Protein backbone atom coordinates (compact mmCIF):
# COMPACT_ATOMS: atom_id res chain seq x y z
CA MET A 1 0.01 0.01 0.01
CA LYS A 2 1.45 3.37 -0.99
CA LYS A 3 2.32 5.69 1.82
CA ILE A 4 1.35 9.43 1.91
CA LEU A 5 2.41 11.90 4.53
CA VAL A 6 0.16 14.81 5.50
CA ILE A 7 1.51 17.66 7.65
CA ASP A 8 -0.93 20.16 9.09
CA ASP A 9 -1.32 21.73 12.58
CA GLU A 10 -5.16 21.54 12.36
CA GLN A 11 -6.52 18.23 13.70
CA PRO A 12 -9.78 18.51 11.69
CA THR A 13 -7.78 18.83 8.52
CA LEU A 14 -5.61 15.84 9.35
CA LYS A 15 -8.73 13.76 10.08
CA MET A 16 -10.36 14.80 6.79
CA PHE A 17 -7.19 13.95 4.77
CA THR A 18 -6.93 10.61 6.56
CA LEU A 19 -10.51 9.62 5.84
CA LEU A 20 -10.37 10.60 2.20
CA LEU A 21 -6.93 9.12 1.46
CA GLU A 22 -7.56 5.87 3.28
CA ALA A 23 -10.82 5.52 1.25
CA MET A 24 -8.61 5.92 -1.87
CA GLY A 25 -6.42 3.03 -0.70
CA PHE A 26 -3.45 4.90 0.71
CA SER A 27 -1.55 4.29 3.95
CA VAL A 28 -1.59 7.71 5.67
CA LEU A 29 1.03 9.06 7.93
CA THR A 30 0.37 12.39 9.71
CA ALA A 31 2.31 15.00 11.61
CA GLU A 32 1.04 18.09 13.52
CA ASP A 33 3.95 20.38 12.80
CA GLY A 34 6.66 20.81 10.29
CA ARG A 35 9.55 19.49 12.32
CA ALA A 36 7.75 16.30 13.19
CA GLY A 37 6.71 15.93 9.51
CA VAL A 38 10.36 16.14 8.38
CA ASP A 39 11.26 13.47 10.91
CA VAL A 40 8.46 11.17 9.69
CA PHE A 41 9.51 11.68 6.10
CA ARG A 42 13.16 10.88 6.91
CA ASP A 43 12.04 7.58 8.61
CA GLU A 44 9.24 6.49 6.26
CA ARG A 45 10.20 8.03 2.87
CA PRO A 46 6.74 8.33 1.36
CA ASP A 47 6.58 9.24 -2.37
CA ILE A 48 3.93 11.93 -1.85
CA VAL A 49 3.68 14.64 0.86
CA PHE A 50 0.92 17.18 1.48
CA THR A 51 2.04 20.08 3.75
CA ASP A 52 0.24 23.15 4.96
CA ILE A 53 2.09 26.38 4.32
CA LYS A 54 1.32 28.27 7.51
CA MET A 55 2.23 26.27 10.69
CA PRO A 56 4.01 26.98 13.98
CA VAL A 57 7.41 25.56 14.83
CA MET A 58 8.40 25.08 11.12
CA ASP A 59 6.34 26.47 8.26
CA GLY A 60 5.58 24.60 5.00
CA ILE A 61 8.21 26.43 3.02
CA GLU A 62 10.95 25.22 5.38
CA VAL A 63 9.36 21.65 5.42
CA LEU A 64 9.58 21.71 1.62
CA ARG A 65 13.18 22.81 1.63
CA ASN A 66 14.13 20.03 4.11
CA ILE A 67 12.28 17.25 2.26
CA LYS A 68 13.77 18.23 -1.09
CA GLU A 69 17.28 17.96 0.50
CA ILE A 70 16.48 14.51 1.65
CA ASN A 71 14.80 13.33 -1.61
CA PRO A 72 14.73 15.79 -4.62
CA HIS A 73 12.32 13.50 -6.41
CA ALA A 74 9.60 13.50 -3.73
CA GLU A 75 6.21 14.87 -4.83
CA VAL A 76 5.45 17.68 -2.42
CA ILE A 77 2.08 19.29 -2.76
CA VAL A 78 1.53 22.42 -0.59
CA ILE A 79 -1.79 23.37 0.95
CA THR A 80 -2.42 27.07 0.76
CA GLY A 81 -5.19 29.40 1.88
CA HIS A 82 -7.62 30.25 -0.83
CA GLY A 83 -6.11 32.76 -3.16
CA ASP A 84 -2.72 32.78 -1.46
CA MET A 85 -0.87 32.61 -4.73
CA GLU A 86 2.33 34.43 -3.76
CA LEU A 87 3.04 31.63 -1.25
CA ALA A 88 2.19 28.98 -3.92
CA ILE A 89 4.69 30.54 -6.34
CA GLN A 90 7.26 30.79 -3.61
CA ALA A 91 6.78 27.02 -3.01
CA LEU A 92 7.05 26.28 -6.73
CA ASN A 93 10.43 28.16 -6.71
CA LEU A 94 11.54 25.55 -4.15
CA ASP A 95 10.45 22.64 -6.32
CA ALA A 96 6.91 21.99 -4.90
CA THR A 97 5.24 20.02 -7.70
CA ASP A 98 1.69 21.21 -7.19
CA PHE A 99 -0.65 23.03 -4.67
CA ILE A 100 -4.24 22.88 -3.52
CA ASN A 101 -6.34 25.44 -1.78
CA LYS A 102 -8.19 25.33 1.52
CA PRO A 103 -10.89 24.33 2.11
CA VAL A 104 -9.76 21.17 0.38
CA GLN A 105 -12.36 19.67 -1.94
CA ARG A 106 -12.37 15.95 -2.70
CA GLN A 107 -12.21 16.49 -6.47
CA ALA A 108 -9.21 18.83 -6.23
CA LEU A 109 -7.50 16.33 -3.88
CA SER A 110 -8.17 13.46 -6.22
CA GLN A 111 -6.92 15.39 -9.27
CA ALA A 112 -3.73 16.43 -7.46
CA LEU A 113 -3.04 12.84 -6.46
CA GLN A 114 -3.64 11.56 -9.98
CA ARG A 115 -1.20 14.04 -11.41
CA ALA A 116 1.41 13.20 -8.74
CA GLU A 117 1.16 9.49 -9.43
CA GLU A 118 1.43 9.99 -13.11
CA ARG A 119 4.59 12.12 -12.64
CA LEU A 120 6.07 9.47 -10.36
CA ALA A 121 5.38 6.81 -13.04
CA LEU A 122 7.04 9.01 -15.73
CA SER A 123 10.12 9.46 -13.55
CA ARG A 124 10.40 5.71 -12.92
CA THR A 125 10.23 4.93 -16.58
CA GLU A 126 12.43 7.89 -17.57
CA GLN A 127 10.06 8.89 -20.40
CA THR A 128 10.94 11.96 -22.23
CA GLN A 129 9.28 15.02 -20.64
CA VAL A 130 9.52 17.31 -23.70
CA SER A 131 8.92 16.02 -27.22
CA LEU A 132 8.42 17.81 -30.59
CA GLU A 133 6.12 17.08 -33.52
CA GLU A 134 5.13 19.08 -36.59
CA GLU A 135 1.56 19.67 -37.57
CA LYS A 136 0.18 21.35 -40.64
CA ASP A 137 0.48 24.90 -39.52
CA LYS A 138 2.53 24.79 -36.33
CA ALA A 139 5.13 23.07 -34.30
CA VAL A 140 3.88 21.26 -31.16
CA LEU A 141 5.90 20.76 -27.97
CA HIS A 142 4.41 18.16 -25.63
CA LEU A 143 5.30 18.71 -21.97
CA ARG A 144 4.68 16.13 -19.34
CA GLY A 145 5.87 15.18 -15.80
CA ASN A 146 7.99 17.75 -13.97
CA VAL A 147 9.44 20.57 -16.03
CA THR A 148 12.24 21.90 -13.84
CA GLY A 149 15.62 23.50 -14.12
CA LEU A 150 17.04 20.05 -14.79
CA THR A 151 14.98 19.83 -17.97
CA GLY A 152 15.56 23.47 -18.87
CA THR A 153 18.39 22.77 -21.37
CA PHE A 154 16.32 20.14 -23.12
CA LEU A 155 13.33 22.54 -23.20
CA GLN A 156 15.51 25.24 -24.74
CA SER A 157 16.89 22.91 -27.46
CA SER A 158 13.42 21.53 -28.24
CA PHE A 159 12.05 25.11 -28.52
CA SER A 160 14.83 26.08 -30.83
CA ARG A 161 14.17 23.17 -33.05
CA ALA A 162 10.43 24.00 -33.03
CA ALA A 163 11.17 27.60 -34.05
CA ALA A 164 13.52 26.40 -36.85
CA LEU A 165 10.58 24.56 -38.49
CA GLY A 166 9.56 28.06 -39.59
CA HIS A 167 5.81 28.02 -38.98
CA GLY A 168 5.82 31.10 -36.91
CA CYS A 169 3.59 29.39 -34.41
CA ILE A 170 4.50 26.97 -31.56
CA GLU A 171 1.90 25.20 -29.41
CA LEU A 172 2.96 24.18 -25.92
CA ARG A 173 0.69 21.24 -25.19
CA PHE A 174 0.75 20.41 -21.49
CA ASP A 175 -0.31 16.93 -20.34
CA GLU A 176 -2.75 16.84 -17.45
CA ASN A 177 -0.01 15.57 -15.15
CA ALA A 178 2.44 18.35 -16.03
CA SER A 179 4.03 20.39 -13.29
CA ILE A 180 6.49 23.32 -13.75
CA ASN A 181 8.60 24.79 -11.00
CA GLY A 182 10.09 28.21 -10.58
CA ALA A 183 13.18 27.44 -12.66
CA GLY A 184 11.03 25.95 -15.45
CA ILE A 185 8.80 28.99 -15.40
CA THR A 186 11.81 31.34 -15.71
CA THR A 187 13.21 29.37 -18.63
CA LEU A 188 9.79 29.33 -20.39
CA THR A 189 9.28 33.03 -19.89
CA ASP A 190 12.70 33.84 -21.49
CA LEU A 191 11.93 31.57 -24.47
CA LEU A 192 8.47 33.05 -25.07
CA GLY A 193 9.76 36.61 -24.78
CA ASP A 194 12.51 36.04 -27.30
CA PHE A 195 10.19 34.24 -29.72
CA ARG A 196 7.61 36.98 -29.48
CA GLU A 197 10.22 39.68 -30.17
CA LYS A 198 10.98 37.87 -33.40
CA GLY A 199 7.32 37.96 -34.39
CA GLY A 200 6.47 34.42 -33.34
CA ARG A 201 3.14 33.32 -31.83
CA VAL A 202 2.76 30.80 -28.97
CA LEU A 203 -0.38 28.93 -27.99
CA ILE A 204 -0.63 27.21 -24.58
CA THR A 205 -3.12 24.35 -24.18
CA GLY A 206 -3.91 21.65 -21.67
CA LEU A 207 -2.52 23.48 -18.66
CA SER A 208 -4.22 22.75 -15.33
CA GLU A 209 -6.22 25.58 -13.72
CA ASN A 210 -3.67 25.86 -10.95
CA PHE A 211 -0.78 26.51 -13.26
CA ARG A 212 -2.90 28.71 -15.53
CA THR A 213 -3.42 31.01 -12.52
CA VAL A 214 0.30 31.03 -11.80
CA PHE A 215 1.13 31.75 -15.47
CA ASP A 216 -1.25 34.75 -15.27
CA MET A 217 0.43 36.00 -12.09
CA VAL A 218 3.97 35.86 -13.46
CA GLY A 219 2.97 37.60 -16.76
CA ILE A 220 3.17 34.65 -19.19
CA THR A 221 -0.36 35.49 -20.35
CA ARG A 222 1.15 38.59 -21.99
CA LEU A 223 3.50 36.50 -24.05
CA ALA A 224 1.17 33.70 -25.24
CA GLU A 225 -2.38 32.81 -26.03
CA PHE A 226 -4.28 30.22 -24.08
CA GLY A 227 -6.45 27.56 -25.68
CA ASP A 228 -8.83 25.02 -24.38
CA GLY A 229 -6.88 21.99 -25.41
CA SER A 230 -9.28 21.04 -28.19
CA HIS A 231 -6.42 21.70 -30.62
């Protein structure tokens, strides 16, 4: 049975997570503060961690930093207050792979878990996270799994090859499981800005609502058009 760690200082939240996640078939570990959560993670090494951002003793940002030092490949999903996007972006800059808002809804939790499990499966099989294909009137870059600073070089080379096809339009087609951290967002912003200055057009499709909100906050919506994924 897969193990999941939930770190939150609110007992009702821990109970709610435990009920929902056990019903989904997970073995649930819990901790009531960040320091205890890091200790549990070090001992149990779960693949997926949910952590609240605002906690006494050790906040979620410091928890994230500690867990990533122990296992850079752990899927850490931060729990933020509704609309607390600045903290969500700060967490993405520290390699959080996703975030969900309080009050946590079952559907949002289920979707976040599905994306996390798909990213873990991709990392185990080492499938390519960025791939290029050519369609009639555009180049299409498929992005899946975790797009991070580690994949930045490959993203840059793939984007250059897409631009060299000469269509003047590149579609970034995100899989539902795709996550992009702060370094990946910086790389993407630079690529889109350069391409736009040269008269190119970029269409972004398939992006989850969470990351679409982040892209809006960091200004990517000024550099690209967003589609509904219907292609």
